[in-house]
Amino acid sequence: MNRGPGPRPFIIAEAGICHDGALDKALRLVETAARAQADAVKFQFWSSSDRLAERRKAAEHLEVYQRYRMPVGWLDRLAEAAKASNMRFMTTAYLPEDLPIIAERVWAFKIASFEAQDWSFLGAHAAYGKQVFLSTGLVGGDYFTRLRAFAAAWNLDLTLLHCVSAYPVPADQLNLWAIREFRLDGFSDHSGIEAAGGWAVLAGAKDLEVHFRLEDTDPANPDAGRHALTPDGLATYILHADHAAMVMGTAHYGERRHIPAEDPMQRFVVRP
């Protein structure tokens, strides 16, 4: 990637199911993420629509699950396309039996908020020794204490993302202070606001996940709502996040590092 000097957040461009069931659109989503200079591109995978509807108690969404289910054969094509674009490939799994299918193809796992309280599902990820990004929507404050103890017991390499599970999230409900309050690593963003990644970086986020779509993604696609940025919106989002990281700098709490811009003024300092 070439997003300029200085500290930068790690950006996961969440394509979700905005492929509309077409491989050519899925590959274009990879290209779009690469042009915006994301670090990783992520999709969603489930091997059985019936099982997903049953597991989530979401029979009313069965038709959607059937329409947008990604064939296994796409995974290698998309992973290769991501690698060719100097990005990492990820996909969320929702069914325990799908972990062996995606494990050999993804750089890291992602667990959605809806599965984040399924302790057996979290534990199943530990067997693969990969980093796990976990969205933390729909949870209470005591959850983080339990989660960190669980991760330590299972040797689970967790990256915790603040998340509000609404699509889209109103700006006044983003609750970004939670990133600092609960010592979270980043932010999974459903706001559709181009500046929100920068806001999250100012709140302490080092990792960002943001939804995006193509200009011609079917408006009826549930992942193509106002929470999903356009290609230009994604590029602007990443620019805002990088600028926020730049102005925050690299100093740690309690120390003041050398500021090169101050060098010409050093000669005026009055010392005893």
C-alpha atoms as a PDB file:
ATOM      1  CA  MET A   1       0.000   0.000   0.000  1.00  0.00           C
ATOM      2  CA  ASN A   2       1.084   3.597  -0.513  1.00  0.00           C
ATOM      3  CA  ARG A   3      -1.033   5.837   1.662  1.00  0.00           C
ATOM      4  CA  GLY A   4       1.673   8.269   2.653  1.00  0.00           C
ATOM      5  CA  PRO A   5       4.075   8.538   5.594  1.00  0.00           C
ATOM      6  CA  GLY A   6       3.283   8.308   9.252  1.00  0.00           C
ATOM      7  CA  PRO A   7       0.975   6.109  11.331  1.00  0.00           C
ATOM      8  CA  ARG A   8      -2.073   4.712   9.576  1.00  0.00           C
ATOM      9  CA  PRO A   9      -5.038   2.628  10.744  1.00  0.00           C
ATOM     10  CA  PHE A  10      -5.543  -0.840   9.312  1.00  0.00           C
ATOM     11  CA  ILE A  11      -8.569  -0.676   6.998  1.00  0.00           C
ATOM     12  CA  ILE A  12     -10.811  -3.664   6.275  1.00  0.00           C
ATOM     13  CA  ALA A  13     -13.136  -2.906   3.352  1.00  0.00           C
ATOM     14  CA  GLU A  14     -16.282  -4.939   4.035  1.00  0.00           C
ATOM     15  CA  ALA A  15     -17.839  -5.996   0.722  1.00  0.00           C
ATOM     16  CA  GLY A  16     -20.340  -8.244   2.488  1.00  0.00           C
ATOM     17  CA  ILE A  17     -22.866  -9.591   0.009  1.00  0.00           C
ATOM     18  CA  CYS A  18     -22.750  -6.609  -2.345  1.00  0.00           C
ATOM     19  CA  HIS A  19     -21.670  -8.988  -5.127  1.00  0.00           C
ATOM     20  CA  ASP A  20     -25.380  -9.574  -5.890  1.00  0.00           C
ATOM     21  CA  GLY A  21     -24.636 -13.257  -6.469  1.00  0.00           C
ATOM     22  CA  ALA A  22     -22.322 -12.524  -9.425  1.00  0.00           C
ATOM     23  CA  LEU A  23     -18.614 -13.411  -9.410  1.00  0.00           C
ATOM     24  CA  ASP A  24     -17.718 -10.555 -11.750  1.00  0.00           C
ATOM     25  CA  LYS A  25     -19.177  -8.083  -9.244  1.00  0.00           C
ATOM     26  CA  ALA A  26     -17.305  -9.767  -6.403  1.00  0.00           C
ATOM     27  CA  LEU A  27     -14.044  -9.324  -8.307  1.00  0.00           C
ATOM     28  CA  ARG A  28     -14.923  -5.689  -8.998  1.00  0.00           C
ATOM     29  CA  LEU A  29     -15.446  -5.192  -5.272  1.00  0.00           C
ATOM     30  CA  VAL A  30     -11.889  -6.424  -4.719  1.00  0.00           C
ATOM     31  CA  GLU A  31     -10.647  -3.973  -7.351  1.00  0.00           C
ATOM     32  CA  THR A  32     -12.623  -1.145  -5.764  1.00  0.00           C
ATOM     33  CA  ALA A  33     -11.141  -1.836  -2.329  1.00  0.00           C
ATOM     34  CA  ALA A  34      -7.657  -1.889  -3.830  1.00  0.00           C
ATOM     35  CA  ARG A  35      -8.155   1.444  -5.620  1.00  0.00           C
ATOM     36  CA  ALA A  36      -9.298   2.989  -2.344  1.00  0.00           C
ATOM     37  CA  GLN A  37      -6.078   1.602  -0.771  1.00  0.00           C
ATOM     38  CA  ALA A  38      -7.703  -0.632   1.824  1.00  0.00           C
ATOM     39  CA  ASP A  39      -5.447  -3.102   3.602  1.00  0.00           C
ATOM     40  CA  ALA A  40      -7.899  -6.004   3.448  1.00  0.00           C
ATOM     41  CA  VAL A  41     -11.117  -6.884   1.668  1.00  0.00           C
ATOM     42  CA  LYS A  42     -13.759  -9.005   3.363  1.00  0.00           C
ATOM     43  CA  PHE A  43     -16.812 -10.957   2.249  1.00  0.00           C
ATOM     44  CA  GLN A  44     -19.377 -13.172   4.007  1.00  0.00           C
ATOM     45  CA  PHE A  45     -19.654 -16.950   3.617  1.00  0.00           C
ATOM     46  CA  TRP A  46     -22.120 -19.607   4.696  1.00  0.00           C
ATOM     47  CA  SER A  47     -22.342 -23.096   3.216  1.00  0.00           C
ATOM     48  CA  SER A  48     -26.014 -23.647   4.042  1.00  0.00           C
ATOM     49  CA  SER A  49     -28.757 -21.029   3.945  1.00  0.00           C
ATOM     50  CA  ASP A  50     -31.107 -23.301   5.850  1.00  0.00           C
ATOM     51  CA  ARG A  51     -28.583 -23.810   8.644  1.00  0.00           C
ATOM     52  CA  LEU A  52     -27.903 -20.084   8.921  1.00  0.00           C
ATOM     53  CA  ALA A  53     -31.600 -19.241   9.113  1.00  0.00           C
ATOM     54  CA  GLU A  54     -32.055 -21.913  11.786  1.00  0.00           C
ATOM     55  CA  ARG A  55     -28.998 -20.875  13.811  1.00  0.00           C
ATOM     56  CA  ARG A  56     -30.006 -17.224  13.863  1.00  0.00           C
ATOM     57  CA  LYS A  57     -33.706 -17.960  14.308  1.00  0.00           C
ATOM     58  CA  ALA A  58     -34.274 -15.896  11.185  1.00  0.00           C
ATOM     59  CA  ALA A  59     -36.626 -17.883   8.987  1.00  0.00           C
ATOM     60  CA  GLU A  60     -37.893 -14.624   7.476  1.00  0.00           C
ATOM     61  CA  HIS A  61     -34.409 -14.029   5.998  1.00  0.00           C
ATOM     62  CA  LEU A  62     -34.043 -17.451   4.371  1.00  0.00           C
ATOM     63  CA  GLU A  63     -34.726 -16.119   0.882  1.00  0.00           C
ATOM     64  CA  VAL A  64     -32.029 -13.467   1.307  1.00  0.00           C
ATOM     65  CA  TYR A  65     -29.552 -16.068   2.559  1.00  0.00           C
ATOM     66  CA  GLN A  66     -30.315 -18.246  -0.453  1.00  0.00           C
ATOM     67  CA  ARG A  67     -30.007 -15.408  -2.955  1.00  0.00           C
ATOM     68  CA  TYR A  68     -26.674 -14.098  -1.716  1.00  0.00           C
ATOM     69  CA  ARG A  69     -24.901 -17.279  -0.641  1.00  0.00           C
ATOM     70  CA  MET A  70     -21.362 -17.321  -2.013  1.00  0.00           C
ATOM     71  CA  PRO A  71     -20.270 -20.575  -3.718  1.00  0.00           C
ATOM     72  CA  VAL A  72     -17.184 -22.212  -2.212  1.00  0.00           C
ATOM     73  CA  GLY A  73     -15.495 -21.980  -5.592  1.00  0.00           C
ATOM     74  CA  TRP A  74     -15.364 -18.192  -5.354  1.00  0.00           C
ATOM     75  CA  LEU A  75     -13.156 -18.150  -2.278  1.00  0.00           C
ATOM     76  CA  ASP A  76      -9.912 -19.043  -4.041  1.00  0.00           C
ATOM     77  CA  ARG A  77     -10.622 -16.642  -6.920  1.00  0.00           C
ATOM     78  CA  LEU A  78     -11.274 -13.769  -4.546  1.00  0.00           C
ATOM     79  CA  ALA A  79      -8.291 -14.601  -2.344  1.00  0.00           C
ATOM     80  CA  GLU A  80      -6.031 -14.642  -5.410  1.00  0.00           C
ATOM     81  CA  ALA A  81      -7.448 -11.326  -6.632  1.00  0.00           C
ATOM     82  CA  ALA A  82      -6.865  -9.740  -3.226  1.00  0.00           C
ATOM     83  CA  LYS A  83      -3.284 -11.006  -3.113  1.00  0.00           C
ATOM     84  CA  ALA A  84      -2.617  -9.706  -6.626  1.00  0.00           C
ATOM     85  CA  SER A  85      -3.813  -6.286  -5.432  1.00  0.00           C
ATOM     86  CA  ASN A  86      -1.527  -6.394  -2.370  1.00  0.00           C
ATOM     87  CA  MET A  87      -4.448  -6.807   0.019  1.00  0.00           C
ATOM     88  CA  ARG A  88      -5.316  -9.436   2.601  1.00  0.00           C
ATOM     89  CA  PHE A  89      -8.390 -11.577   2.088  1.00  0.00           C
ATOM     90  CA  MET A  90     -10.994 -12.191   4.773  1.00  0.00           C
ATOM     91  CA  THR A  91     -14.488 -13.578   5.031  1.00  0.00           C
ATOM     92  CA  THR A  92     -16.851 -13.881   7.955  1.00  0.00           C
ATOM     93  CA  ALA A  93     -18.141 -17.349   8.771  1.00  0.00           C
ATOM     94  CA  TYR A  94     -21.366 -17.864  10.697  1.00  0.00           C
ATOM     95  CA  LEU A  95     -21.527 -21.646  10.972  1.00  0.00           C
ATOM     96  CA  PRO A  96     -19.019 -23.680  13.008  1.00  0.00           C
ATOM     97  CA  GLU A  97     -18.756 -26.263  10.240  1.00  0.00           C
ATOM     98  CA  ASP A  98     -17.574 -23.572   7.816  1.00  0.00           C
ATOM     99  CA  LEU A  99     -14.407 -22.709   9.728  1.00  0.00           C
ATOM    100  CA  PRO A 100     -12.331 -25.497   8.123  1.00  0.00           C
ATOM    101  CA  ILE A 101     -13.517 -24.325   4.704  1.00  0.00           C
ATOM    102  CA  ILE A 102     -12.328 -20.739   5.073  1.00  0.00           C
ATOM    103  CA  ALA A 103      -9.386 -21.243   7.448  1.00  0.00           C
ATOM    104  CA  GLU A 104      -6.846 -22.140   4.770  1.00  0.00           C
ATOM    105  CA  ARG A 105      -7.932 -19.259   2.562  1.00  0.00           C
ATOM    106  CA  VAL A 106      -8.161 -16.269   4.915  1.00  0.00           C
ATOM    107  CA  TRP A 107      -5.456 -14.180   6.527  1.00  0.00           C
ATOM    108  CA  ALA A 108      -7.572 -13.657   9.661  1.00  0.00           C
ATOM    109  CA  PHE A 109     -11.036 -14.533  10.930  1.00  0.00           C
ATOM    110  CA  LYS A 110     -13.911 -12.151  11.554  1.00  0.00           C
ATOM    111  CA  ILE A 111     -16.747 -12.837  13.998  1.00  0.00           C
ATOM    112  CA  ALA A 112     -19.892 -10.742  13.687  1.00  0.00           C
ATOM    113  CA  SER A 113     -21.694  -9.202  16.650  1.00  0.00           C
ATOM    114  CA  PHE A 114     -24.558 -11.688  16.390  1.00  0.00           C
ATOM    115  CA  GLU A 115     -22.166 -14.588  17.072  1.00  0.00           C
ATOM    116  CA  ALA A 116     -19.917 -12.735  19.540  1.00  0.00           C
ATOM    117  CA  GLN A 117     -21.649 -14.225  22.593  1.00  0.00           C
ATOM    118  CA  ASP A 118     -21.495 -17.826  21.369  1.00  0.00           C
ATOM    119  CA  TRP A 119     -18.557 -18.991  23.464  1.00  0.00           C
ATOM    120  CA  SER A 120     -18.265 -22.381  21.789  1.00  0.00           C
ATOM    121  CA  PHE A 121     -18.095 -20.671  18.390  1.00  0.00           C
ATOM    122  CA  LEU A 122     -15.363 -18.347  19.630  1.00  0.00           C
ATOM    123  CA  GLY A 123     -13.457 -21.281  21.030  1.00  0.00           C
ATOM    124  CA  ALA A 124     -13.668 -23.134  17.713  1.00  0.00           C
ATOM    125  CA  HIS A 125     -11.677 -20.333  16.080  1.00  0.00           C
ATOM    126  CA  ALA A 126      -8.793 -20.816  18.527  1.00  0.00           C
ATOM    127  CA  ALA A 127      -7.800 -24.143  16.967  1.00  0.00           C
ATOM    128  CA  TYR A 128      -6.462 -22.401  13.852  1.00  0.00           C
ATOM    129  CA  GLY A 129      -4.057 -19.985  15.540  1.00  0.00           C
ATOM    130  CA  LYS A 130      -5.144 -17.019  13.433  1.00  0.00           C
ATOM    131  CA  GLN A 131      -5.928 -13.468  14.460  1.00  0.00           C
ATOM    132  CA  VAL A 132      -9.640 -12.977  15.122  1.00  0.00           C
ATOM    133  CA  PHE A 133     -11.389  -9.640  14.578  1.00  0.00           C
ATOM    134  CA  LEU A 134     -14.526  -9.563  16.699  1.00  0.00           C
ATOM    135  CA  SER A 135     -17.350  -7.024  16.517  1.00  0.00           C
ATOM    136  CA  THR A 136     -18.880  -6.177  19.885  1.00  0.00           C
ATOM    137  CA  GLY A 137     -22.333  -4.844  19.139  1.00  0.00           C
ATOM    138  CA  LEU A 138     -25.293  -5.827  21.323  1.00  0.00           C
ATOM    139  CA  VAL A 139     -23.188  -6.512  24.449  1.00  0.00           C
ATOM    140  CA  GLY A 140     -22.997  -5.045  27.958  1.00  0.00           C
ATOM    141  CA  GLY A 141     -19.945  -3.680  29.750  1.00  0.00           C
ATOM    142  CA  ASP A 142     -19.301  -6.819  31.801  1.00  0.00           C
ATOM    143  CA  TYR A 143     -18.973  -8.771  28.558  1.00  0.00           C
ATOM    144  CA  PHE A 144     -15.454  -7.459  27.964  1.00  0.00           C
ATOM    145  CA  THR A 145     -14.141  -8.784  31.273  1.00  0.00           C
ATOM    146  CA  ARG A 146     -15.561 -12.219  30.512  1.00  0.00           C
ATOM    147  CA  LEU A 147     -14.313 -12.082  26.920  1.00  0.00           C
ATOM    148  CA  ARG A 148     -10.738 -11.232  27.844  1.00  0.00           C
ATOM    149  CA  ALA A 149     -10.647 -14.031  30.419  1.00  0.00           C
ATOM    150  CA  PHE A 150     -12.034 -16.445  27.826  1.00  0.00           C
ATOM    151  CA  ALA A 151      -9.471 -15.333  25.235  1.00  0.00           C
ATOM    152  CA  ALA A 152      -6.621 -15.830  27.692  1.00  0.00           C
ATOM    153  CA  ALA A 153      -7.845 -19.314  28.614  1.00  0.00           C
ATOM    154  CA  TRP A 154      -8.186 -20.347  24.965  1.00  0.00           C
ATOM    155  CA  ASN A 155      -5.084 -18.498  23.716  1.00  0.00           C
ATOM    156  CA  LEU A 156      -7.294 -16.603  21.305  1.00  0.00           C
ATOM    157  CA  ASP A 157      -5.659 -13.691  19.459  1.00  0.00           C
ATOM    158  CA  LEU A 158      -8.533 -11.215  19.575  1.00  0.00           C
ATOM    159  CA  THR A 159      -8.776  -7.782  17.993  1.00  0.00           C
ATOM    160  CA  LEU A 160     -11.839  -6.151  19.519  1.00  0.00           C
ATOM    161  CA  LEU A 161     -13.921  -3.786  17.414  1.00  0.00           C
ATOM    162  CA  HIS A 162     -16.470  -1.395  18.855  1.00  0.00           C
ATOM    163  CA  CYS A 163     -19.702  -1.809  16.940  1.00  0.00           C
ATOM    164  CA  VAL A 164     -23.281  -0.596  17.012  1.00  0.00           C
ATOM    165  CA  SER A 165     -25.489  -3.174  15.307  1.00  0.00           C
ATOM    166  CA  ALA A 166     -27.788  -0.901  13.354  1.00  0.00           C
ATOM    167  CA  TYR A 167     -27.850  -0.297   9.602  1.00  0.00           C
ATOM    168  CA  PRO A 168     -27.192   2.593   9.426  1.00  0.00           C
ATOM    169  CA  VAL A 169     -26.173   3.902  12.841  1.00  0.00           C
ATOM    170  CA  PRO A 170     -27.225   7.510  13.487  1.00  0.00           C
ATOM    171  CA  ALA A 171     -24.251   9.725  14.242  1.00  0.00           C
ATOM    172  CA  ASP A 172     -25.536  10.548  17.717  1.00  0.00           C
ATOM    173  CA  GLN A 173     -25.552   6.826  18.603  1.00  0.00           C
ATOM    174  CA  LEU A 174     -22.051   5.870  17.430  1.00  0.00           C
ATOM    175  CA  ASN A 175     -20.866   5.897  21.068  1.00  0.00           C
ATOM    176  CA  LEU A 176     -17.204   6.064  20.043  1.00  0.00           C
ATOM    177  CA  TRP A 177     -16.130   6.794  23.619  1.00  0.00           C
ATOM    178  CA  ALA A 178     -16.542   3.038  24.192  1.00  0.00           C
ATOM    179  CA  ILE A 179     -13.282   2.508  22.278  1.00  0.00           C
ATOM    180  CA  ARG A 180     -11.351   4.151  25.110  1.00  0.00           C
ATOM    181  CA  GLU A 181     -13.633   3.140  27.948  1.00  0.00           C
ATOM    182  CA  PHE A 182     -13.309  -0.584  27.215  1.00  0.00           C
ATOM    183  CA  ARG A 183      -9.793  -0.471  25.704  1.00  0.00           C
ATOM    184  CA  LEU A 184     -10.942  -1.703  22.301  1.00  0.00           C
ATOM    185  CA  ASP A 185      -8.685  -1.996  19.277  1.00  0.00           C
ATOM    186  CA  GLY A 186     -10.893  -0.541  16.600  1.00  0.00           C
ATOM    187  CA  PHE A 187     -14.281   0.149  15.106  1.00  0.00           C
ATOM    188  CA  SER A 188     -16.641  -1.785  12.849  1.00  0.00           C
ATOM    189  CA  ASP A 189     -18.535   1.032  11.161  1.00  0.00           C
ATOM    190  CA  HIS A 190     -22.145   0.869   9.982  1.00  0.00           C
ATOM    191  CA  SER A 191     -22.731   4.602   9.827  1.00  0.00           C
ATOM    192  CA  GLY A 192     -22.203   5.316   6.146  1.00  0.00           C
ATOM    193  CA  ILE A 193     -20.533   8.587   7.212  1.00  0.00           C
ATOM    194  CA  GLU A 194     -17.273   9.285   5.382  1.00  0.00           C
ATOM    195  CA  ALA A 195     -15.768  11.135   8.355  1.00  0.00           C
ATOM    196  CA  ALA A 196     -16.624   8.464  10.933  1.00  0.00           C
ATOM    197  CA  GLY A 197     -13.389   6.514  10.492  1.00  0.00           C
ATOM    198  CA  GLY A 198     -11.417   9.628  11.352  1.00  0.00           C
ATOM    199  CA  TRP A 199     -13.588  10.194  14.409  1.00  0.00           C
ATOM    200  CA  ALA A 200     -12.922   6.628  15.546  1.00  0.00           C
ATOM    201  CA  VAL A 201      -9.158   7.067  15.103  1.00  0.00           C
ATOM    202  CA  LEU A 202      -9.332  10.175  17.294  1.00  0.00           C
ATOM    203  CA  ALA A 203     -11.091   8.010  19.887  1.00  0.00           C
ATOM    204  CA  GLY A 204      -8.225   5.498  19.777  1.00  0.00           C
ATOM    205  CA  ALA A 205      -9.098   3.040  17.000  1.00  0.00           C
ATOM    206  CA  LYS A 206      -6.160   1.374  15.260  1.00  0.00           C
ATOM    207  CA  ASP A 207      -8.287  -0.931  13.078  1.00  0.00           C
ATOM    208  CA  LEU A 208     -11.348   0.017  11.037  1.00  0.00           C
ATOM    209  CA  GLU A 209     -13.899  -2.098   9.214  1.00  0.00           C
ATOM    210  CA  VAL A 210     -16.235  -0.240   6.872  1.00  0.00           C
ATOM    211  CA  HIS A 211     -18.998  -1.392   4.512  1.00  0.00           C
ATOM    212  CA  PHE A 212     -18.892  -0.439   0.837  1.00  0.00           C
ATOM    213  CA  ARG A 213     -20.677  -1.290  -2.381  1.00  0.00           C
ATOM    214  CA  LEU A 214     -20.422  -0.793  -6.129  1.00  0.00           C
ATOM    215  CA  GLU A 215     -22.256   1.989  -7.895  1.00  0.00           C
ATOM    216  CA  ASP A 216     -24.399  -0.668  -9.595  1.00  0.00           C
ATOM    217  CA  THR A 217     -25.022  -2.932  -6.605  1.00  0.00           C
ATOM    218  CA  ASP A 218     -28.730  -3.792  -6.636  1.00  0.00           C
ATOM    219  CA  PRO A 219     -30.544  -1.247  -4.418  1.00  0.00           C
ATOM    220  CA  ALA A 220     -32.665  -4.156  -3.139  1.00  0.00           C
ATOM    221  CA  ASN A 221     -29.546  -5.812  -1.730  1.00  0.00           C
ATOM    222  CA  PRO A 222     -29.816  -5.506   2.081  1.00  0.00           C
ATOM    223  CA  ASP A 223     -26.073  -4.814   2.312  1.00  0.00           C
ATOM    224  CA  ALA A 224     -26.304  -1.863  -0.078  1.00  0.00           C
ATOM    225  CA  GLY A 225     -28.179   0.508   2.178  1.00  0.00           C
ATOM    226  CA  ARG A 226     -27.049   3.856   3.550  1.00  0.00           C
ATOM    227  CA  HIS A 227     -24.487   2.119   5.774  1.00  0.00           C
ATOM    228  CA  ALA A 228     -22.457   1.085   2.690  1.00  0.00           C
ATOM    229  CA  LEU A 229     -20.172   3.667   1.100  1.00  0.00           C
ATOM    230  CA  THR A 230     -19.832   4.196  -2.647  1.00  0.00           C
ATOM    231  CA  PRO A 231     -16.399   3.581  -4.219  1.00  0.00           C
ATOM    232  CA  ASP A 232     -15.567   7.285  -3.980  1.00  0.00           C
ATOM    233  CA  GLY A 233     -16.949   7.343  -0.442  1.00  0.00           C
ATOM    234  CA  LEU A 234     -14.654   4.489   0.573  1.00  0.00           C
ATOM    235  CA  ALA A 235     -11.588   6.303  -0.747  1.00  0.00           C
ATOM    236  CA  THR A 236     -12.621   9.468   1.100  1.00  0.00           C
ATOM    237  CA  TYR A 237     -13.256   7.482   4.289  1.00  0.00           C
ATOM    238  CA  ILE A 238      -9.752   6.037   4.209  1.00  0.00           C
ATOM    239  CA  LEU A 239      -8.277   9.476   3.542  1.00  0.00           C
ATOM    240  CA  HIS A 240     -10.090  10.927   6.575  1.00  0.00           C
ATOM    241  CA  ALA A 241      -8.885   8.039   8.754  1.00  0.00           C
ATOM    242  CA  ASP A 242      -5.282   8.461   7.601  1.00  0.00           C
ATOM    243  CA  HIS A 243      -5.389  12.212   8.231  1.00  0.00           C
ATOM    244  CA  ALA A 244      -6.771  11.630  11.729  1.00  0.00           C
ATOM    245  CA  ALA A 245      -3.953   9.184  12.483  1.00  0.00           C
ATOM    246  CA  MET A 246      -1.414  11.674  11.143  1.00  0.00           C
ATOM    247  CA  VAL A 247      -2.570  14.543  13.343  1.00  0.00           C
ATOM    248  CA  MET A 248      -2.715  12.307  16.414  1.00  0.00           C
ATOM    249  CA  GLY A 249       0.965  11.417  15.981  1.00  0.00           C
ATOM    250  CA  THR A 250       2.888   8.690  17.758  1.00  0.00           C
ATOM    251  CA  ALA A 251       3.450  10.035  21.284  1.00  0.00           C
ATOM    252  CA  HIS A 252       2.345   7.891  24.183  1.00  0.00           C
ATOM    253  CA  TYR A 253       0.575   9.110  27.286  1.00  0.00           C
ATOM    254  CA  GLY A 254       3.001  10.719  29.710  1.00  0.00           C
ATOM    255  CA  GLU A 255       5.804  11.466  27.260  1.00  0.00           C
ATOM    256  CA  ARG A 256       6.533  14.227  24.772  1.00  0.00           C
ATOM    257  CA  ARG A 257       8.600  13.184  21.775  1.00  0.00           C
ATOM    258  CA  HIS A 258      10.784  15.317  19.554  1.00  0.00           C
ATOM    259  CA  ILE A 259       8.719  17.554  17.254  1.00  0.00           C
ATOM    260  CA  PRO A 260      10.871  18.459  14.199  1.00  0.00           C
ATOM    261  CA  ALA A 261       8.800  21.570  13.420  1.00  0.00           C
ATOM    262  CA  GLU A 262       9.974  23.048  16.745  1.00  0.00           C
ATOM    263  CA  ASP A 263      13.693  22.837  15.866  1.00  0.00           C
ATOM    264  CA  PRO A 264      14.059  26.443  14.641  1.00  0.00           C
ATOM    265  CA  MET A 265      12.554  27.716  17.901  1.00  0.00           C
ATOM    266  CA  GLN A 266      14.927  25.826  20.200  1.00  0.00           C
ATOM    267  CA  ARG A 267      17.431  28.684  20.275  1.00  0.00           C
ATOM    268  CA  PHE A 268      14.901  30.965  21.984  1.00  0.00           C
ATOM    269  CA  VAL A 269      14.325  28.690  24.972  1.00  0.00           C
ATOM    270  CA  VAL A 270      15.270  30.346  28.269  1.00  0.00           C
ATOM    271  CA  ARG A 271      17.064  27.900  30.548  1.00  0.00           C
ATOM    272  CA  PRO A 272      18.536  28.535  34.022  1.00  0.00           C
END
